[in-house]
Amino acid sequence: MSNPDDGVRLMAPDQLTVYSTSWCGYCRILKSSLDREGIAYVEINIEETPGAADFVMEVNGGNRTVPTVHFPNGAALTNPSLAQVKEQLAA
């Protein structure tokens, strides 16, 4: 469990949040798709932000799988398509 002071929120974020790494190709694809569609998001690099990898592992059964997307409604999806992101945002 993350320390509340480490910058990572376990409850629903205020804005769409993409947990990623600098080297992840799937992360780049998703972020460029979100940019192209004009969907605003906050990016958190799990290798640079203390506690971020802990959150990703918590929602992915112990795996550090990125991109992990955390939605304002509290849901989290791992390596979602743009269509899945849009569907969850509309939910």
C-alpha atoms as a PDB file:
ATOM      1  CA  MET A   1       0.000   0.000   0.000  1.00  0.00           C
ATOM      2  CA  SER A   2       1.299   3.440  -0.882  1.00  0.00           C
ATOM      3  CA  ASN A   3       2.136   6.100   1.642  1.00  0.00           C
ATOM      4  CA  PRO A   4      -0.356   8.983   1.257  1.00  0.00           C
ATOM      5  CA  ASP A   5       2.561  11.405   1.052  1.00  0.00           C
ATOM      6  CA  ASP A   6       4.323   9.718  -1.889  1.00  0.00           C
ATOM      7  CA  GLY A   7       2.322  11.423  -4.623  1.00  0.00           C
ATOM      8  CA  VAL A   8       0.248   8.408  -5.708  1.00  0.00           C
ATOM      9  CA  ARG A   9      -3.494   8.352  -5.132  1.00  0.00           C
ATOM     10  CA  LEU A  10      -5.209   5.055  -4.459  1.00  0.00           C
ATOM     11  CA  MET A  11      -8.644   6.604  -4.669  1.00  0.00           C
ATOM     12  CA  ALA A  12     -10.095   7.895  -7.917  1.00  0.00           C
ATOM     13  CA  PRO A  13      -7.976  10.596  -9.534  1.00  0.00           C
ATOM     14  CA  ASP A  14      -9.459  13.949 -10.536  1.00  0.00           C
ATOM     15  CA  GLN A  15      -8.290  13.448 -14.128  1.00  0.00           C
ATOM     16  CA  LEU A  16      -7.567  10.486 -16.395  1.00  0.00           C
ATOM     17  CA  THR A  17      -4.156   9.184 -15.317  1.00  0.00           C
ATOM     18  CA  VAL A  18      -1.784   7.086 -17.434  1.00  0.00           C
ATOM     19  CA  TYR A  19       0.927   5.166 -15.593  1.00  0.00           C
ATOM     20  CA  SER A  20       3.786   4.502 -17.997  1.00  0.00           C
ATOM     21  CA  THR A  21       7.533   4.243 -18.561  1.00  0.00           C
ATOM     22  CA  SER A  22       9.719   6.144 -21.015  1.00  0.00           C
ATOM     23  CA  TRP A  23      10.600   2.990 -22.977  1.00  0.00           C
ATOM     24  CA  CYS A  24       7.129   1.396 -23.305  1.00  0.00           C
ATOM     25  CA  GLY A  25       5.909   1.264 -26.909  1.00  0.00           C
ATOM     26  CA  TYR A  26       2.319   0.515 -25.877  1.00  0.00           C
ATOM     27  CA  CYS A  27       2.421   3.595 -23.650  1.00  0.00           C
ATOM     28  CA  ARG A  28       3.580   5.775 -26.540  1.00  0.00           C
ATOM     29  CA  ILE A  29       0.804   4.437 -28.786  1.00  0.00           C
ATOM     30  CA  LEU A  30      -1.900   5.055 -26.186  1.00  0.00           C
ATOM     31  CA  LYS A  31      -0.645   8.547 -25.294  1.00  0.00           C
ATOM     32  CA  SER A  32      -0.420   9.577 -28.962  1.00  0.00           C
ATOM     33  CA  SER A  33      -3.969   8.266 -29.520  1.00  0.00           C
ATOM     34  CA  LEU A  34      -5.250  10.240 -26.534  1.00  0.00           C
ATOM     35  CA  ASP A  35      -3.423  13.355 -27.783  1.00  0.00           C
ATOM     36  CA  ARG A  36      -4.863  12.939 -31.282  1.00  0.00           C
ATOM     37  CA  GLU A  37      -8.384  12.629 -29.840  1.00  0.00           C
ATOM     38  CA  GLY A  38      -7.917  15.631 -27.553  1.00  0.00           C
ATOM     39  CA  ILE A  39      -8.409  13.560 -24.401  1.00  0.00           C
ATOM     40  CA  ALA A  40      -6.606  15.198 -21.483  1.00  0.00           C
ATOM     41  CA  TYR A  41      -4.608  13.015 -19.118  1.00  0.00           C
ATOM     42  CA  VAL A  42      -1.908  13.133 -16.484  1.00  0.00           C
ATOM     43  CA  GLU A  43       1.126  10.940 -17.116  1.00  0.00           C
ATOM     44  CA  ILE A  44       2.986   9.296 -14.247  1.00  0.00           C
ATOM     45  CA  ASN A  45       6.270   7.532 -14.980  1.00  0.00           C
ATOM     46  CA  ILE A  46       6.409   4.555 -12.619  1.00  0.00           C
ATOM     47  CA  GLU A  47      10.210   4.541 -12.693  1.00  0.00           C
ATOM     48  CA  GLU A  48      10.491   8.157 -11.587  1.00  0.00           C
ATOM     49  CA  THR A  49       7.537   8.682  -9.237  1.00  0.00           C
ATOM     50  CA  PRO A  50       7.851   7.143  -5.770  1.00  0.00           C
ATOM     51  CA  GLY A  51       4.957   4.786  -5.053  1.00  0.00           C
ATOM     52  CA  ALA A  52       3.638   4.735  -8.624  1.00  0.00           C
ATOM     53  CA  ALA A  53       4.877   1.199  -9.339  1.00  0.00           C
ATOM     54  CA  ASP A  54       3.189   0.078  -6.100  1.00  0.00           C
ATOM     55  CA  PHE A  55      -0.166   1.354  -7.370  1.00  0.00           C
ATOM     56  CA  VAL A  56       0.336  -0.339 -10.752  1.00  0.00           C
ATOM     57  CA  MET A  57       1.244  -3.630  -9.066  1.00  0.00           C
ATOM     58  CA  GLU A  58      -1.757  -3.347  -6.741  1.00  0.00           C
ATOM     59  CA  VAL A  59      -4.248  -3.106  -9.619  1.00  0.00           C
ATOM     60  CA  ASN A  60      -2.409  -5.674 -11.790  1.00  0.00           C
ATOM     61  CA  GLY A  61      -2.060  -8.614  -9.439  1.00  0.00           C
ATOM     62  CA  GLY A  62       1.538  -7.813  -8.512  1.00  0.00           C
ATOM     63  CA  ASN A  63       2.697  -7.060 -12.073  1.00  0.00           C
ATOM     64  CA  ARG A  64       4.308  -3.767 -13.162  1.00  0.00           C
ATOM     65  CA  THR A  65       2.309  -3.691 -16.394  1.00  0.00           C
ATOM     66  CA  VAL A  66       2.030  -0.419 -18.284  1.00  0.00           C
ATOM     67  CA  PRO A  67       0.191   1.415 -19.558  1.00  0.00           C
ATOM     68  CA  THR A  68      -2.169   1.219 -16.624  1.00  0.00           C
ATOM     69  CA  VAL A  69      -4.934   3.794 -16.867  1.00  0.00           C
ATOM     70  CA  HIS A  70      -6.770   5.084 -13.785  1.00  0.00           C
ATOM     71  CA  PHE A  71     -10.102   6.791 -14.403  1.00  0.00           C
ATOM     72  CA  PRO A  72     -11.922   9.496 -12.431  1.00  0.00           C
ATOM     73  CA  ASN A  73     -14.658   6.942 -11.657  1.00  0.00           C
ATOM     74  CA  GLY A  74     -12.071   4.790  -9.844  1.00  0.00           C
ATOM     75  CA  ALA A  75     -11.777   2.089 -12.517  1.00  0.00           C
ATOM     76  CA  ALA A  76      -8.381   0.984 -13.792  1.00  0.00           C
ATOM     77  CA  LEU A  77      -7.554  -0.717 -17.104  1.00  0.00           C
ATOM     78  CA  THR A  78      -4.299  -2.292 -18.217  1.00  0.00           C
ATOM     79  CA  ASN A  79      -3.060  -1.646 -21.760  1.00  0.00           C
ATOM     80  CA  PRO A  80      -6.499  -0.520 -22.956  1.00  0.00           C
ATOM     81  CA  SER A  81      -7.361   0.420 -26.518  1.00  0.00           C
ATOM     82  CA  LEU A  82      -8.485   3.944 -27.287  1.00  0.00           C
ATOM     83  CA  ALA A  83     -12.033   2.579 -27.688  1.00  0.00           C
ATOM     84  CA  GLN A  84     -11.894   1.040 -24.197  1.00  0.00           C
ATOM     85  CA  VAL A  85     -10.671   4.332 -22.721  1.00  0.00           C
ATOM     86  CA  LYS A  86     -13.484   6.248 -24.408  1.00  0.00           C
ATOM     87  CA  GLU A  87     -16.051   3.684 -23.253  1.00  0.00           C
ATOM     88  CA  GLN A  88     -14.861   3.898 -19.645  1.00  0.00           C
ATOM     89  CA  LEU A  89     -14.838   7.702 -19.742  1.00  0.00           C
ATOM     90  CA  ALA A  90     -18.467   7.643 -20.919  1.00  0.00           C
ATOM     91  CA  ALA A  91     -19.503   5.227 -18.150  1.00  0.00           C
END
